[in-house]
Amino acid sequence: MPNLETLLLALCSRLFVLRNHPSFPDPELAPDRDALNCIRILTRLLPFIYEADHLEEWEERFFWSRRRRKSRQAQLRSEVIFDEARGEDAEGHSPAQEDEREDAKPLAEELIDTLMDLLFCTGFTIPKLPAAKSKVSYSIWQSGVGCNTAMGSTKELENNRVEVLRLLLTLASKSMYLSPG
């Protein structure tokens, strides 16, 4: 179980970092290929977790319980390789370690928020927009009610949309994977 938790946390963390990276999707600094790989692995792992009856309680706790994570300042401090001035107790914990943690959304909620942003991320699922103020632009993909013109798209952008939508559908379809009993 710890290995599965580590894998899931690593995949989700990488997605969160990529989504928040200022130059995403840059092939060198924050490649979209990494985000797509994380999305694909999660899409294939989640049905197995949902189908295993013995993992139901663990899955609920792991994905939907409140979390505490290191604050940004604590993350930056932990990157210091050697600092003799830092006081630590016998177990290697700094005195203010508990204060350096902050409340975080449940993992599944943060994952869904990230996927929603990725669905409208310029250069990843929608074309680069000259008038966009940020890289996430909640704009309508196709013409229809309230929009007379389509945004335009490429095969690559549409494939990325499909991958993100596939994972969102998997996250929302837990009941499909439960046993009929």
Protein backbone atom coordinates (compact mmCIF):
# COMPACT_ATOMS: atom_id res chain seq x y z
CA MET A 1 0.00 0.00 0.00
CA PRO A 2 2.78 2.53 0.76
CA ASN A 3 4.19 2.04 -2.75
CA LEU A 4 0.80 2.75 -4.32
CA GLU A 5 0.40 5.87 -2.17
CA THR A 6 3.87 7.05 -3.16
CA LEU A 7 3.13 6.51 -6.85
CA LEU A 8 -0.21 8.33 -6.68
CA LEU A 9 1.27 11.22 -4.70
CA ALA A 10 4.19 11.52 -7.12
CA LEU A 11 1.86 11.58 -10.14
CA CYS A 12 -0.50 14.12 -8.62
CA SER A 13 2.32 16.30 -7.31
CA ARG A 14 3.97 16.37 -10.73
CA LEU A 15 0.66 17.42 -12.32
CA PHE A 16 0.20 20.19 -9.74
CA VAL A 17 3.75 21.47 -10.28
CA LEU A 18 3.36 21.44 -14.05
CA ARG A 19 0.01 23.22 -13.94
CA ASN A 20 1.48 25.96 -11.72
CA HIS A 21 4.75 26.27 -13.63
CA PRO A 22 4.91 29.71 -15.31
CA SER A 23 6.18 28.35 -18.63
CA PHE A 24 3.94 25.26 -18.98
CA PRO A 25 3.78 23.73 -21.64
CA ASP A 26 7.42 24.39 -22.50
CA PRO A 27 9.19 21.34 -24.01
CA GLU A 28 12.34 21.99 -21.98
CA LEU A 29 11.23 23.46 -18.63
CA ALA A 30 7.73 22.00 -18.14
CA PRO A 31 6.95 19.49 -20.89
CA ASP A 32 3.34 18.69 -21.70
CA ARG A 33 4.49 15.11 -22.31
CA ASP A 34 5.07 14.75 -18.52
CA ALA A 35 1.54 15.97 -17.77
CA LEU A 36 0.06 13.58 -20.34
CA ASN A 37 2.02 10.64 -18.90
CA CYS A 38 0.79 11.42 -15.37
CA ILE A 39 -2.78 11.71 -16.65
CA ARG A 40 -2.57 8.42 -18.57
CA ILE A 41 -1.15 6.48 -15.62
CA LEU A 42 -3.81 7.85 -13.27
CA THR A 43 -6.52 6.98 -15.81
CA ARG A 44 -5.35 3.37 -15.83
CA LEU A 45 -4.70 3.00 -12.08
CA LEU A 46 -7.95 4.41 -10.71
CA PRO A 47 -10.27 1.69 -12.10
CA PHE A 48 -8.16 -1.00 -10.38
CA ILE A 49 -8.39 0.89 -7.09
CA TYR A 50 -12.14 1.35 -7.50
CA GLU A 51 -12.70 -2.34 -8.33
CA ALA A 52 -10.83 -3.64 -5.26
CA ASP A 53 -13.42 -3.85 -2.49
CA HIS A 54 -10.72 -4.05 0.19
CA LEU A 55 -9.32 -0.66 -0.93
CA GLU A 56 -12.60 1.25 -0.65
CA GLU A 57 -11.96 2.67 2.84
CA TRP A 58 -8.31 3.44 2.02
CA GLU A 59 -9.30 5.18 -1.22
CA GLU A 60 -11.86 7.33 0.58
CA ARG A 61 -9.34 8.34 3.23
CA PHE A 62 -6.43 8.84 0.80
CA PHE A 63 -8.26 10.93 -1.81
CA TRP A 64 -10.94 12.74 0.18
CA SER A 65 -9.65 13.44 3.69
CA ARG A 66 -8.16 16.80 4.66
CA ARG A 67 -4.40 17.04 4.26
CA ARG A 68 -1.60 19.04 5.82
CA ARG A 69 1.41 19.93 3.74
CA LYS A 70 4.55 21.96 4.14
CA SER A 71 4.08 25.67 3.63
CA ARG A 72 6.00 27.31 0.80
CA GLN A 73 8.48 28.78 3.30
CA ALA A 74 9.09 25.36 4.84
CA GLN A 75 9.67 23.86 1.38
CA LEU A 76 12.24 26.54 0.60
CA ARG A 77 13.94 26.02 3.99
CA SER A 78 14.14 22.26 3.48
CA GLU A 79 16.16 22.86 0.30
CA VAL A 80 19.07 24.13 2.45
CA ILE A 81 21.70 21.40 2.27
CA PHE A 82 23.79 22.33 5.31
CA ASP A 83 22.98 24.83 8.03
CA GLU A 84 24.53 24.46 11.49
CA ALA A 85 22.41 27.26 12.96
CA ARG A 86 19.22 25.24 12.60
CA GLY A 87 18.30 23.68 15.93
CA GLU A 88 16.95 20.13 15.83
CA ASP A 89 15.82 17.72 18.52
CA ALA A 90 17.07 14.15 18.94
CA GLU A 91 14.72 12.92 16.20
CA GLY A 92 15.94 15.47 13.64
CA HIS A 93 12.84 17.70 13.75
CA SER A 94 13.15 21.45 13.93
CA PRO A 95 11.24 23.13 16.81
CA ALA A 96 8.88 25.00 14.49
CA GLN A 97 8.21 22.03 12.20
CA GLU A 98 4.55 21.67 13.20
CA ASP A 99 3.95 25.39 12.59
CA GLU A 100 5.37 25.05 9.08
CA ARG A 101 2.43 22.98 7.90
CA GLU A 102 -0.75 24.39 6.39
CA ASP A 103 -4.16 22.95 5.60
CA ALA A 104 -4.63 21.72 2.05
CA LYS A 105 -7.58 20.59 -0.02
CA PRO A 106 -8.23 16.86 -0.27
CA LEU A 107 -6.06 15.28 -2.94
CA ALA A 108 -8.98 14.43 -5.25
CA GLU A 109 -10.37 17.97 -5.04
CA GLU A 110 -6.99 19.48 -5.92
CA LEU A 111 -6.62 16.96 -8.75
CA ILE A 112 -10.03 17.87 -10.19
CA ASP A 113 -9.25 21.60 -9.93
CA THR A 114 -5.93 21.03 -11.72
CA LEU A 115 -7.58 18.98 -14.47
CA MET A 116 -10.22 21.67 -14.99
CA ASP A 117 -7.47 24.27 -15.40
CA LEU A 118 -5.59 21.98 -17.80
CA LEU A 119 -8.73 21.72 -19.96
CA PHE A 120 -8.44 25.45 -20.64
CA CYS A 121 -4.66 25.86 -20.60
CA THR A 122 -3.26 27.83 -23.54
CA GLY A 123 -0.79 25.83 -25.56
CA PHE A 124 -1.95 22.55 -24.00
CA THR A 125 -5.66 22.18 -24.78
CA ILE A 126 -6.51 25.51 -26.39
CA PRO A 127 -4.47 27.58 -28.87
CA LYS A 128 -2.39 30.47 -27.60
CA LEU A 129 -4.64 33.50 -27.24
CA PRO A 130 -3.06 36.95 -27.73
CA ALA A 131 -5.63 38.68 -25.48
CA ALA A 132 -5.34 36.14 -22.62
CA LYS A 133 -4.07 37.58 -19.34
CA SER A 134 -3.12 34.20 -17.87
CA LYS A 135 -2.32 30.78 -19.25
CA VAL A 136 -5.70 29.42 -18.10
CA SER A 137 -8.50 30.92 -20.16
CA TYR A 138 -12.00 29.54 -19.61
CA SER A 139 -13.17 30.07 -23.16
CA ILE A 140 -15.64 28.15 -25.29
CA TRP A 141 -14.03 25.60 -27.61
CA GLN A 142 -16.72 25.46 -30.29
CA SER A 143 -19.34 27.80 -31.67
CA GLY A 144 -22.85 27.44 -30.29
CA VAL A 145 -25.07 29.16 -27.76
CA GLY A 146 -23.37 32.37 -26.65
CA CYS A 147 -20.46 32.01 -29.06
CA ASN A 148 -20.62 32.59 -32.81
CA THR A 149 -17.08 31.56 -33.73
CA ALA A 150 -15.01 28.50 -32.93
CA MET A 151 -11.68 29.06 -31.24
CA GLY A 152 -9.79 26.86 -33.68
CA SER A 153 -7.78 23.85 -32.69
CA THR A 154 -5.21 21.31 -33.78
CA LYS A 155 -5.22 17.53 -33.59
CA GLU A 156 -2.64 17.66 -30.77
CA LEU A 157 -4.74 20.07 -28.65
CA GLU A 158 -7.83 17.93 -29.16
CA ASN A 159 -5.93 14.76 -28.18
CA ASN A 160 -4.78 16.50 -24.99
CA ARG A 161 -8.38 17.48 -24.23
CA VAL A 162 -9.48 13.87 -24.68
CA GLU A 163 -6.81 12.62 -22.25
CA VAL A 164 -7.82 15.15 -19.58
CA LEU A 165 -11.54 14.46 -20.09
CA ARG A 166 -10.89 10.72 -19.91
CA LEU A 167 -9.29 11.10 -16.46
CA LEU A 168 -12.11 13.37 -15.27
CA LEU A 169 -14.63 10.78 -16.45
CA THR A 170 -12.72 8.03 -14.61
CA LEU A 171 -12.67 10.10 -11.41
CA ALA A 172 -16.43 10.70 -11.69
CA SER A 173 -17.32 7.10 -12.56
CA LYS A 174 -16.42 5.26 -9.36
CA SER A 175 -19.87 3.66 -9.22
CA MET A 176 -19.22 1.88 -12.53
CA TYR A 177 -16.36 -0.04 -10.94
CA LEU A 178 -18.14 -1.17 -7.77
CA SER A 179 -19.33 -4.74 -7.46
CA PRO A 180 -23.11 -5.17 -7.92
CA GLY A 181 -23.60 -6.42 -4.34
